[in-house]
Amino acid sequence: MSAVVPICPSCHRESAAGFRFCPFCGHALGEAPAPRTERKIVTVLFCDLVGFTARSDHADPEDVRAILEPFHRLARSEIERYGGTLDKFIGDAAMGVFGSPAIHEDDPERAVRAALGILERLQELREEPAGQPPAVRIGVNTGEAVVSLGGGVQAGENVAGDVVNTASRLQAAAPAGAVIVGQATYRATRDAVRYEELEPVRAKGKAEPVRVWRAVAIRALPTISDRAATTPFVGRARERALLERTFRRAVAGRTAQLVTIVGEPGVGKSRLVREFRAFVDAQPELVAWRQGHCLAYGEGISF
């Protein structure tokens, strides 16, 4: 008979038999660690299949599962693609959290992008002969919540607060095949997302109607180096001269030149590129300017 190897409930590493405390982290073996809670600003995405309850009434369980499994995979894929955490599935509903445990400066935008991505992916499934999933309603809301951290980024979390309840109410009030957001999410994303305001929603438990906006599409935003400068360009004479000399060498020699600009965020890399572009535009030669950037989320990107 083989002895049972104890697993530490805190660090999840194996310990030798007979130990009362984990030799790696010192936690008492056999005792579950107390859950850690944090107060955070999060964005909650609540997605629900439209009319699924009526559609599954008297349906074969295997047929119900055949509908839910593709939807669950799709929702998880889009939520995690944009850096969110799939908190839970509740029957035909999916709940995603952005801002915990991983935090990004654009979590509300990521949540809206994920919501629009779910709609787009479902439309693609509907165009396939074998796939006829129902439409969905999606509500996105941003606010303060108390988060009980789980055992990993994808392990699921217990998120409590009015932000969750409101996201669920917004989802229930959304038109079929639409994404609606609350005021905090709208304010955080209105420069990146094109919206149309809808009639206020009378949500259960709310004394006043809740203002809502329908997300229509993602705006094509200019990068920092494309935006008009509002301050004088001071310093960076050596770097600017290097770029100008490299440009002249490329034109004279008809050869490609590579310059890499590296620096901490906020030191002026994008502004330097903008000033260099202004220099190039002022030259008598006709120069075609091509510019791209890498996204901070998704797969298959260079950086």
C-alpha atoms as a PDB file:
ATOM      1  CA  MET A   1       0.000   0.000   0.000  1.00  0.00           C
ATOM      2  CA  SER A   2       1.447   3.364  -1.023  1.00  0.00           C
ATOM      3  CA  ALA A   3       1.408   6.287   1.399  1.00  0.00           C
ATOM      4  CA  VAL A   4      -0.688   9.347   0.576  1.00  0.00           C
ATOM      5  CA  VAL A   5       1.533  12.302  -0.347  1.00  0.00           C
ATOM      6  CA  PRO A   6       0.169  15.463   1.283  1.00  0.00           C
ATOM      7  CA  ILE A   7      -0.376  18.478  -0.964  1.00  0.00           C
ATOM      8  CA  CYS A   8       0.013  21.927   0.550  1.00  0.00           C
ATOM      9  CA  PRO A   9      -3.308  23.834   0.257  1.00  0.00           C
ATOM     10  CA  SER A  10      -1.386  27.107  -0.005  1.00  0.00           C
ATOM     11  CA  CYS A  11       1.440  26.567  -2.523  1.00  0.00           C
ATOM     12  CA  HIS A  12       0.091  23.252  -3.929  1.00  0.00           C
ATOM     13  CA  ARG A  13       3.478  21.516  -3.709  1.00  0.00           C
ATOM     14  CA  GLU A  14       4.011  17.960  -2.495  1.00  0.00           C
ATOM     15  CA  SER A  15       5.459  17.369   0.973  1.00  0.00           C
ATOM     16  CA  ALA A  16       6.946  14.269   2.528  1.00  0.00           C
ATOM     17  CA  ALA A  17       4.668  12.129   4.666  1.00  0.00           C
ATOM     18  CA  GLY A  18       4.698  13.005   8.362  1.00  0.00           C
ATOM     19  CA  PHE A  19       5.181  16.738   7.961  1.00  0.00           C
ATOM     20  CA  ARG A  20       2.734  18.959   9.866  1.00  0.00           C
ATOM     21  CA  PHE A  21       3.822  22.097   8.044  1.00  0.00           C
ATOM     22  CA  CYS A  22       4.768  22.645   4.408  1.00  0.00           C
ATOM     23  CA  PRO A  23       8.583  22.694   4.072  1.00  0.00           C
ATOM     24  CA  PHE A  24       8.305  25.219   1.207  1.00  0.00           C
ATOM     25  CA  CYS A  25       5.906  27.912   2.479  1.00  0.00           C
ATOM     26  CA  GLY A  26       5.356  26.952   6.143  1.00  0.00           C
ATOM     27  CA  HIS A  27       1.585  26.638   5.871  1.00  0.00           C
ATOM     28  CA  ALA A  28      -0.118  24.067   8.076  1.00  0.00           C
ATOM     29  CA  LEU A  29      -0.857  20.947   6.058  1.00  0.00           C
ATOM     30  CA  GLY A  30      -4.467  19.888   5.951  1.00  0.00           C
ATOM     31  CA  GLU A  31      -5.791  23.406   6.566  1.00  0.00           C
ATOM     32  CA  ALA A  32      -7.198  25.427   3.725  1.00  0.00           C
ATOM     33  CA  PRO A  33      -5.743  28.948   3.521  1.00  0.00           C
ATOM     34  CA  ALA A  34      -8.056  31.817   4.322  1.00  0.00           C
ATOM     35  CA  PRO A  35      -9.347  33.451   1.123  1.00  0.00           C
ATOM     36  CA  ARG A  36      -7.692  36.744   0.222  1.00  0.00           C
ATOM     37  CA  THR A  37     -10.022  39.589  -0.672  1.00  0.00           C
ATOM     38  CA  GLU A  38      -9.281  42.849  -2.422  1.00  0.00           C
ATOM     39  CA  ARG A  39     -11.306  45.922  -3.243  1.00  0.00           C
ATOM     40  CA  LYS A  40     -10.914  46.746  -6.930  1.00  0.00           C
ATOM     41  CA  ILE A  41     -12.385  48.676  -9.803  1.00  0.00           C
ATOM     42  CA  VAL A  42     -13.479  46.020 -12.278  1.00  0.00           C
ATOM     43  CA  THR A  43     -15.498  45.789 -15.459  1.00  0.00           C
ATOM     44  CA  VAL A  44     -18.030  42.966 -15.587  1.00  0.00           C
ATOM     45  CA  LEU A  45     -19.297  41.442 -18.832  1.00  0.00           C
ATOM     46  CA  PHE A  46     -22.560  39.531 -18.544  1.00  0.00           C
ATOM     47  CA  CYS A  47     -23.665  37.556 -21.615  1.00  0.00           C
ATOM     48  CA  ASP A  48     -26.881  35.530 -21.907  1.00  0.00           C
ATOM     49  CA  LEU A  49     -28.489  33.500 -24.688  1.00  0.00           C
ATOM     50  CA  VAL A  50     -31.824  34.948 -25.830  1.00  0.00           C
ATOM     51  CA  GLY A  51     -34.829  32.667 -25.429  1.00  0.00           C
ATOM     52  CA  PHE A  52     -32.743  29.682 -24.474  1.00  0.00           C
ATOM     53  CA  THR A  53     -35.036  28.583 -21.641  1.00  0.00           C
ATOM     54  CA  ALA A  54     -38.039  28.359 -23.936  1.00  0.00           C
ATOM     55  CA  ARG A  55     -35.964  26.752 -26.669  1.00  0.00           C
ATOM     56  CA  SER A  56     -34.611  24.052 -24.349  1.00  0.00           C
ATOM     57  CA  ASP A  57     -38.020  23.251 -22.827  1.00  0.00           C
ATOM     58  CA  HIS A  58     -38.759  19.559 -23.538  1.00  0.00           C
ATOM     59  CA  ALA A  59     -35.559  19.393 -25.619  1.00  0.00           C
ATOM     60  CA  ASP A  60     -33.224  16.438 -25.417  1.00  0.00           C
ATOM     61  CA  PRO A  61     -30.346  17.076 -22.956  1.00  0.00           C
ATOM     62  CA  GLU A  62     -27.802  16.252 -25.653  1.00  0.00           C
ATOM     63  CA  ASP A  63     -29.330  18.893 -27.942  1.00  0.00           C
ATOM     64  CA  VAL A  64     -29.154  21.434 -25.124  1.00  0.00           C
ATOM     65  CA  ARG A  65     -25.530  20.568 -24.528  1.00  0.00           C
ATOM     66  CA  ALA A  66     -24.779  20.837 -28.260  1.00  0.00           C
ATOM     67  CA  ILE A  67     -25.967  24.460 -28.126  1.00  0.00           C
ATOM     68  CA  LEU A  68     -24.271  25.428 -24.872  1.00  0.00           C
ATOM     69  CA  GLU A  69     -20.814  23.954 -25.501  1.00  0.00           C
ATOM     70  CA  PRO A  70     -19.970  26.075 -28.593  1.00  0.00           C
ATOM     71  CA  PHE A  71     -21.294  29.179 -26.836  1.00  0.00           C
ATOM     72  CA  HIS A  72     -19.236  28.477 -23.715  1.00  0.00           C
ATOM     73  CA  ARG A  73     -16.072  27.932 -25.763  1.00  0.00           C
ATOM     74  CA  LEU A  74     -16.686  31.076 -27.777  1.00  0.00           C
ATOM     75  CA  ALA A  75     -17.369  33.254 -24.718  1.00  0.00           C
ATOM     76  CA  ARG A  76     -14.312  31.948 -22.855  1.00  0.00           C
ATOM     77  CA  SER A  77     -12.120  32.448 -25.917  1.00  0.00           C
ATOM     78  CA  GLU A  78     -13.114  36.104 -26.460  1.00  0.00           C
ATOM     79  CA  ILE A  79     -12.975  37.042 -22.774  1.00  0.00           C
ATOM     80  CA  GLU A  80      -9.513  35.551 -22.307  1.00  0.00           C
ATOM     81  CA  ARG A  81      -8.311  36.890 -25.645  1.00  0.00           C
ATOM     82  CA  TYR A  82      -8.650  40.436 -24.326  1.00  0.00           C
ATOM     83  CA  GLY A  83      -7.065  39.702 -20.959  1.00  0.00           C
ATOM     84  CA  GLY A  84     -10.222  39.089 -18.931  1.00  0.00           C
ATOM     85  CA  THR A  85     -11.048  36.239 -16.557  1.00  0.00           C
ATOM     86  CA  LEU A  86     -13.982  33.914 -17.081  1.00  0.00           C
ATOM     87  CA  ASP A  87     -15.556  34.083 -13.647  1.00  0.00           C
ATOM     88  CA  LYS A  88     -18.316  31.549 -14.141  1.00  0.00           C
ATOM     89  CA  PHE A  89     -20.938  29.988 -16.390  1.00  0.00           C
ATOM     90  CA  ILE A  90     -24.487  30.126 -15.042  1.00  0.00           C
ATOM     91  CA  GLY A  91     -26.510  27.862 -17.291  1.00  0.00           C
ATOM     92  CA  ASP A  92     -26.844  29.766 -20.564  1.00  0.00           C
ATOM     93  CA  ALA A  93     -25.061  32.853 -19.207  1.00  0.00           C
ATOM     94  CA  ALA A  94     -21.360  33.695 -19.029  1.00  0.00           C
ATOM     95  CA  MET A  95     -19.751  36.229 -16.707  1.00  0.00           C
ATOM     96  CA  GLY A  96     -16.344  37.708 -17.425  1.00  0.00           C
ATOM     97  CA  VAL A  97     -14.296  40.064 -15.231  1.00  0.00           C
ATOM     98  CA  PHE A  98     -11.736  42.582 -16.469  1.00  0.00           C
ATOM     99  CA  GLY A  99      -9.441  44.191 -13.911  1.00  0.00           C
ATOM    100  CA  SER A 100      -8.878  41.214 -11.625  1.00  0.00           C
ATOM    101  CA  PRO A 101      -6.553  39.511 -11.050  1.00  0.00           C
ATOM    102  CA  ALA A 102      -4.720  40.985 -14.055  1.00  0.00           C
ATOM    103  CA  ILE A 103      -5.080  44.770 -14.262  1.00  0.00           C
ATOM    104  CA  HIS A 104      -4.777  46.831 -17.448  1.00  0.00           C
ATOM    105  CA  GLU A 105      -5.215  50.544 -17.944  1.00  0.00           C
ATOM    106  CA  ASP A 106      -7.844  49.890 -20.642  1.00  0.00           C
ATOM    107  CA  ASP A 107      -9.887  47.130 -18.986  1.00  0.00           C
ATOM    108  CA  PRO A 108     -13.294  48.741 -19.802  1.00  0.00           C
ATOM    109  CA  GLU A 109     -12.291  48.984 -23.477  1.00  0.00           C
ATOM    110  CA  ARG A 110     -11.089  45.386 -23.445  1.00  0.00           C
ATOM    111  CA  ALA A 111     -14.457  44.270 -22.029  1.00  0.00           C
ATOM    112  CA  VAL A 112     -16.389  46.093 -24.761  1.00  0.00           C
ATOM    113  CA  ARG A 113     -14.077  44.689 -27.428  1.00  0.00           C
ATOM    114  CA  ALA A 114     -14.673  41.187 -26.046  1.00  0.00           C
ATOM    115  CA  ALA A 115     -18.444  41.758 -26.069  1.00  0.00           C
ATOM    116  CA  LEU A 116     -18.422  42.923 -29.682  1.00  0.00           C
ATOM    117  CA  GLY A 117     -16.141  39.999 -30.524  1.00  0.00           C
ATOM    118  CA  ILE A 118     -18.685  37.557 -29.093  1.00  0.00           C
ATOM    119  CA  LEU A 119     -21.400  39.055 -31.298  1.00  0.00           C
ATOM    120  CA  GLU A 120     -19.177  38.833 -34.364  1.00  0.00           C
ATOM    121  CA  ARG A 121     -18.172  35.228 -33.673  1.00  0.00           C
ATOM    122  CA  LEU A 122     -21.809  34.203 -33.125  1.00  0.00           C
ATOM    123  CA  GLN A 123     -22.740  35.767 -36.452  1.00  0.00           C
ATOM    124  CA  GLU A 124     -20.062  33.655 -38.126  1.00  0.00           C
ATOM    125  CA  LEU A 125     -21.503  30.515 -36.488  1.00  0.00           C
ATOM    126  CA  ARG A 126     -24.970  31.360 -37.728  1.00  0.00           C
ATOM    127  CA  GLU A 127     -23.662  31.492 -41.286  1.00  0.00           C
ATOM    128  CA  GLU A 128     -22.387  27.917 -41.021  1.00  0.00           C
ATOM    129  CA  PRO A 129     -24.882  25.213 -42.122  1.00  0.00           C
ATOM    130  CA  ALA A 130     -24.408  23.121 -38.970  1.00  0.00           C
ATOM    131  CA  GLY A 131     -24.507  25.956 -36.477  1.00  0.00           C
ATOM    132  CA  GLN A 132     -27.666  27.811 -35.558  1.00  0.00           C
ATOM    133  CA  PRO A 133     -26.991  29.318 -32.117  1.00  0.00           C
ATOM    134  CA  PRO A 134     -29.513  31.797 -30.733  1.00  0.00           C
ATOM    135  CA  ALA A 135     -28.724  35.478 -30.347  1.00  0.00           C
ATOM    136  CA  VAL A 136     -27.256  36.901 -27.165  1.00  0.00           C
ATOM    137  CA  ARG A 137     -27.720  39.952 -24.988  1.00  0.00           C
ATOM    138  CA  ILE A 138     -24.645  41.472 -23.366  1.00  0.00           C
ATOM    139  CA  GLY A 139     -24.338  43.993 -20.549  1.00  0.00           C
ATOM    140  CA  VAL A 140     -21.047  45.630 -19.532  1.00  0.00           C
ATOM    141  CA  ASN A 141     -20.628  47.663 -16.365  1.00  0.00           C
ATOM    142  CA  THR A 142     -17.683  49.202 -14.508  1.00  0.00           C
ATOM    143  CA  GLY A 143     -17.512  49.814 -10.773  1.00  0.00           C
ATOM    144  CA  GLU A 144     -16.083  48.863  -7.418  1.00  0.00           C
ATOM    145  CA  ALA A 145     -16.189  45.259  -6.217  1.00  0.00           C
ATOM    146  CA  VAL A 146     -14.772  43.024  -3.510  1.00  0.00           C
ATOM    147  CA  VAL A 147     -12.825  40.213  -5.131  1.00  0.00           C
ATOM    148  CA  SER A 148     -11.928  36.923  -3.449  1.00  0.00           C
ATOM    149  CA  LEU A 149      -8.845  35.761  -5.299  1.00  0.00           C
ATOM    150  CA  GLY A 150      -8.827  32.201  -6.596  1.00  0.00           C
ATOM    151  CA  GLY A 151      -5.935  29.893  -7.328  1.00  0.00           C
ATOM    152  CA  GLY A 152      -4.842  31.415 -10.611  1.00  0.00           C
ATOM    153  CA  VAL A 153      -5.655  33.811 -13.398  1.00  0.00           C
ATOM    154  CA  GLN A 154      -8.113  31.437 -15.045  1.00  0.00           C
ATOM    155  CA  ALA A 155      -9.358  29.693 -11.908  1.00  0.00           C
ATOM    156  CA  GLY A 156     -12.463  31.844 -11.527  1.00  0.00           C
ATOM    157  CA  GLU A 157     -13.086  34.405  -8.843  1.00  0.00           C
ATOM    158  CA  ASN A 158     -15.803  35.436  -6.481  1.00  0.00           C
ATOM    159  CA  VAL A 159     -16.657  39.028  -7.391  1.00  0.00           C
ATOM    160  CA  ALA A 160     -19.250  40.758  -5.229  1.00  0.00           C
ATOM    161  CA  GLY A 161     -20.716  44.210  -5.509  1.00  0.00           C
ATOM    162  CA  ASP A 162     -23.384  46.295  -7.156  1.00  0.00           C
ATOM    163  CA  VAL A 163     -21.318  46.332 -10.352  1.00  0.00           C
ATOM    164  CA  VAL A 164     -22.172  42.651 -10.901  1.00  0.00           C
ATOM    165  CA  ASN A 165     -25.893  43.078 -10.236  1.00  0.00           C
ATOM    166  CA  THR A 166     -26.080  46.107 -12.524  1.00  0.00           C
ATOM    167  CA  ALA A 167     -24.253  44.289 -15.338  1.00  0.00           C
ATOM    168  CA  SER A 168     -26.808  41.484 -15.074  1.00  0.00           C
ATOM    169  CA  ARG A 169     -29.698  43.992 -15.164  1.00  0.00           C
ATOM    170  CA  LEU A 170     -28.196  45.718 -18.214  1.00  0.00           C
ATOM    171  CA  GLN A 171     -27.863  42.383 -19.970  1.00  0.00           C
ATOM    172  CA  ALA A 172     -31.513  41.591 -19.298  1.00  0.00           C
ATOM    173  CA  ALA A 173     -32.563  44.984 -20.729  1.00  0.00           C
ATOM    174  CA  ALA A 174     -30.353  44.832 -23.825  1.00  0.00           C
ATOM    175  CA  PRO A 175     -31.913  44.246 -27.250  1.00  0.00           C
ATOM    176  CA  ALA A 176     -31.223  40.865 -28.812  1.00  0.00           C
ATOM    177  CA  GLY A 177     -27.853  40.861 -30.541  1.00  0.00           C
ATOM    178  CA  ALA A 178     -26.657  44.029 -28.823  1.00  0.00           C
ATOM    179  CA  VAL A 179     -24.121  45.216 -26.248  1.00  0.00           C
ATOM    180  CA  ILE A 180     -25.179  47.915 -23.812  1.00  0.00           C
ATOM    181  CA  VAL A 181     -22.947  49.559 -21.227  1.00  0.00           C
ATOM    182  CA  GLY A 182     -23.398  51.607 -18.080  1.00  0.00           C
ATOM    183  CA  GLN A 183     -22.298  55.191 -17.548  1.00  0.00           C
ATOM    184  CA  ALA A 184     -18.899  54.431 -16.013  1.00  0.00           C
ATOM    185  CA  THR A 185     -17.972  52.115 -18.884  1.00  0.00           C
ATOM    186  CA  TYR A 186     -19.218  54.662 -21.413  1.00  0.00           C
ATOM    187  CA  ARG A 187     -17.107  57.432 -19.930  1.00  0.00           C
ATOM    188  CA  ALA A 188     -13.995  55.257 -19.929  1.00  0.00           C
ATOM    189  CA  THR A 189     -14.415  54.079 -23.536  1.00  0.00           C
ATOM    190  CA  ARG A 190     -16.302  56.782 -25.458  1.00  0.00           C
ATOM    191  CA  ASP A 191     -13.128  57.877 -27.266  1.00  0.00           C
ATOM    192  CA  ALA A 192     -12.420  54.325 -28.411  1.00  0.00           C
ATOM    193  CA  VAL A 193     -15.956  53.011 -29.052  1.00  0.00           C
ATOM    194  CA  ARG A 194     -18.782  54.481 -31.115  1.00  0.00           C
ATOM    195  CA  TYR A 195     -22.020  54.503 -29.112  1.00  0.00           C
ATOM    196  CA  GLU A 196     -25.651  55.435 -29.454  1.00  0.00           C
ATOM    197  CA  GLU A 197     -27.580  56.373 -26.324  1.00  0.00           C
ATOM    198  CA  LEU A 198     -30.703  54.373 -25.553  1.00  0.00           C
ATOM    199  CA  GLU A 199     -33.647  55.086 -23.287  1.00  0.00           C
ATOM    200  CA  PRO A 200     -32.734  54.761 -19.576  1.00  0.00           C
ATOM    201  CA  VAL A 201     -33.321  51.329 -18.094  1.00  0.00           C
ATOM    202  CA  ARG A 202     -35.451  50.811 -15.002  1.00  0.00           C
ATOM    203  CA  ALA A 203     -33.358  48.209 -13.237  1.00  0.00           C
ATOM    204  CA  LYS A 204     -34.601  46.185 -10.280  1.00  0.00           C
ATOM    205  CA  GLY A 205     -33.273  47.597  -7.018  1.00  0.00           C
ATOM    206  CA  LYS A 206     -32.358  50.979  -8.523  1.00  0.00           C
ATOM    207  CA  ALA A 207     -34.152  54.080  -7.279  1.00  0.00           C
ATOM    208  CA  GLU A 208     -33.481  55.983 -10.511  1.00  0.00           C
ATOM    209  CA  PRO A 209     -33.424  54.814 -14.133  1.00  0.00           C
ATOM    210  CA  VAL A 210     -29.962  53.759 -15.319  1.00  0.00           C
ATOM    211  CA  ARG A 211     -28.518  55.553 -18.343  1.00  0.00           C
ATOM    212  CA  VAL A 212     -27.267  53.115 -20.973  1.00  0.00           C
ATOM    213  CA  TRP A 213     -25.485  53.228 -24.317  1.00  0.00           C
ATOM    214  CA  ARG A 214     -25.367  50.687 -27.111  1.00  0.00           C
ATOM    215  CA  ALA A 215     -21.886  49.842 -28.404  1.00  0.00           C
ATOM    216  CA  VAL A 216     -21.902  50.070 -32.193  1.00  0.00           C
ATOM    217  CA  ALA A 217     -18.281  49.682 -33.292  1.00  0.00           C
ATOM    218  CA  ILE A 218     -14.667  50.303 -32.325  1.00  0.00           C
ATOM    219  CA  ARG A 219     -13.328  53.651 -33.502  1.00  0.00           C
ATOM    220  CA  ALA A 220     -10.163  53.840 -35.594  1.00  0.00           C
ATOM    221  CA  LEU A 221      -8.016  55.909 -33.238  1.00  0.00           C
ATOM    222  CA  PRO A 222      -4.829  57.696 -34.265  1.00  0.00           C
ATOM    223  CA  THR A 223      -1.678  56.667 -32.482  1.00  0.00           C
ATOM    224  CA  ILE A 224       0.076  59.135 -30.189  1.00  0.00           C
ATOM    225  CA  SER A 225       2.547  60.081 -32.914  1.00  0.00           C
ATOM    226  CA  ASP A 226      -0.369  60.999 -35.218  1.00  0.00           C
ATOM    227  CA  ARG A 227      -2.065  63.351 -32.773  1.00  0.00           C
ATOM    228  CA  ALA A 228      -1.479  67.076 -32.826  1.00  0.00           C
ATOM    229  CA  ALA A 229       1.121  68.242 -30.311  1.00  0.00           C
ATOM    230  CA  THR A 230       0.008  70.790 -27.737  1.00  0.00           C
ATOM    231  CA  THR A 231       3.433  71.573 -26.237  1.00  0.00           C
ATOM    232  CA  PRO A 232       6.771  72.710 -27.718  1.00  0.00           C
ATOM    233  CA  PHE A 233       9.309  70.000 -28.522  1.00  0.00           C
ATOM    234  CA  VAL A 234      12.268  70.556 -26.192  1.00  0.00           C
ATOM    235  CA  GLY A 235      15.567  68.670 -26.246  1.00  0.00           C
ATOM    236  CA  ARG A 236      16.263  65.407 -28.062  1.00  0.00           C
ATOM    237  CA  ALA A 237      18.497  67.330 -30.493  1.00  0.00           C
ATOM    238  CA  ARG A 238      20.976  64.451 -30.754  1.00  0.00           C
ATOM    239  CA  GLU A 239      18.277  61.853 -31.394  1.00  0.00           C
ATOM    240  CA  ARG A 240      16.515  64.059 -33.926  1.00  0.00           C
ATOM    241  CA  ALA A 241      19.789  64.735 -35.755  1.00  0.00           C
ATOM    242  CA  LEU A 242      20.515  61.004 -35.886  1.00  0.00           C
ATOM    243  CA  LEU A 243      17.140  60.310 -37.510  1.00  0.00           C
ATOM    244  CA  GLU A 244      17.623  63.113 -40.036  1.00  0.00           C
ATOM    245  CA  ARG A 245      21.115  61.886 -40.998  1.00  0.00           C
ATOM    246  CA  THR A 246      19.838  58.327 -41.360  1.00  0.00           C
ATOM    247  CA  PHE A 247      17.028  59.529 -43.616  1.00  0.00           C
ATOM    248  CA  ARG A 248      19.431  61.429 -45.871  1.00  0.00           C
ATOM    249  CA  ARG A 249      21.716  58.380 -46.044  1.00  0.00           C
ATOM    250  CA  ALA A 250      18.790  56.180 -47.074  1.00  0.00           C
ATOM    251  CA  VAL A 251      17.752  58.617 -49.810  1.00  0.00           C
ATOM    252  CA  ALA A 252      21.295  59.096 -51.111  1.00  0.00           C
ATOM    253  CA  GLY A 253      22.260  55.431 -51.055  1.00  0.00           C
ATOM    254  CA  ARG A 254      18.856  53.981 -51.983  1.00  0.00           C
ATOM    255  CA  THR A 255      19.294  51.457 -49.162  1.00  0.00           C
ATOM    256  CA  ALA A 256      17.142  50.520 -46.198  1.00  0.00           C
ATOM    257  CA  GLN A 257      18.134  51.898 -42.814  1.00  0.00           C
ATOM    258  CA  LEU A 258      16.904  50.621 -39.436  1.00  0.00           C
ATOM    259  CA  VAL A 259      16.619  52.762 -36.302  1.00  0.00           C
ATOM    260  CA  THR A 260      15.292  51.368 -33.030  1.00  0.00           C
ATOM    261  CA  ILE A 261      13.975  53.840 -30.449  1.00  0.00           C
ATOM    262  CA  VAL A 262      13.913  52.373 -26.943  1.00  0.00           C
ATOM    263  CA  GLY A 263      12.915  54.085 -23.701  1.00  0.00           C
ATOM    264  CA  GLU A 264      10.669  54.051 -20.673  1.00  0.00           C
ATOM    265  CA  PRO A 265       6.974  54.922 -21.163  1.00  0.00           C
ATOM    266  CA  GLY A 266       6.413  58.661 -21.309  1.00  0.00           C
ATOM    267  CA  VAL A 267       9.940  59.762 -22.249  1.00  0.00           C
ATOM    268  CA  GLY A 268       8.826  60.992 -25.689  1.00  0.00           C
ATOM    269  CA  LYS A 269       9.399  58.157 -28.169  1.00  0.00           C
ATOM    270  CA  SER A 270       6.156  58.769 -30.050  1.00  0.00           C
ATOM    271  CA  ARG A 271       6.692  62.536 -30.005  1.00  0.00           C
ATOM    272  CA  LEU A 272      10.163  62.063 -31.488  1.00  0.00           C
ATOM    273  CA  VAL A 273       8.643  59.989 -34.301  1.00  0.00           C
ATOM    274  CA  ARG A 274       6.080  62.711 -34.929  1.00  0.00           C
ATOM    275  CA  GLU A 275       8.753  65.386 -35.151  1.00  0.00           C
ATOM    276  CA  PHE A 276      10.746  63.200 -37.538  1.00  0.00           C
ATOM    277  CA  ARG A 277       7.674  62.736 -39.703  1.00  0.00           C
ATOM    278  CA  ALA A 278       7.225  66.509 -39.874  1.00  0.00           C
ATOM    279  CA  PHE A 279      10.853  66.778 -41.038  1.00  0.00           C
ATOM    280  CA  VAL A 280      10.282  64.126 -43.732  1.00  0.00           C
ATOM    281  CA  ASP A 281       7.108  65.843 -44.966  1.00  0.00           C
ATOM    282  CA  ALA A 282       9.048  69.087 -45.377  1.00  0.00           C
ATOM    283  CA  GLN A 283      11.618  67.508 -47.742  1.00  0.00           C
ATOM    284  CA  PRO A 284      11.407  68.031 -51.513  1.00  0.00           C
ATOM    285  CA  GLU A 285      11.395  64.272 -52.132  1.00  0.00           C
ATOM    286  CA  LEU A 286       8.037  62.505 -52.235  1.00  0.00           C
ATOM    287  CA  VAL A 287       8.104  60.013 -49.352  1.00  0.00           C
ATOM    288  CA  ALA A 288       5.441  57.382 -48.616  1.00  0.00           C
ATOM    289  CA  TRP A 289       4.995  57.002 -44.842  1.00  0.00           C
ATOM    290  CA  ARG A 290       3.785  53.653 -43.524  1.00  0.00           C
ATOM    291  CA  GLN A 291       3.061  53.096 -39.854  1.00  0.00           C
ATOM    292  CA  GLY A 292       1.721  50.239 -37.741  1.00  0.00           C
ATOM    293  CA  HIS A 293       1.585  49.160 -34.124  1.00  0.00           C
ATOM    294  CA  CYS A 294       1.189  45.996 -32.076  1.00  0.00           C
ATOM    295  CA  LEU A 295      -1.870  45.346 -29.933  1.00  0.00           C
ATOM    296  CA  ALA A 296      -1.473  44.686 -26.227  1.00  0.00           C
ATOM    297  CA  TYR A 297      -3.845  41.706 -26.372  1.00  0.00           C
ATOM    298  CA  GLY A 298      -4.666  38.767 -28.605  1.00  0.00           C
ATOM    299  CA  GLU A 299      -2.460  36.061 -30.086  1.00  0.00           C
ATOM    300  CA  GLY A 300      -0.081  35.906 -33.002  1.00  0.00           C
ATOM    301  CA  ILE A 301       1.335  39.400 -32.417  1.00  0.00           C
ATOM    302  CA  SER A 302       4.996  40.323 -32.628  1.00  0.00           C
ATOM    303  CA  PHE A 303       5.411  41.868 -29.184  1.00  0.00           C
END
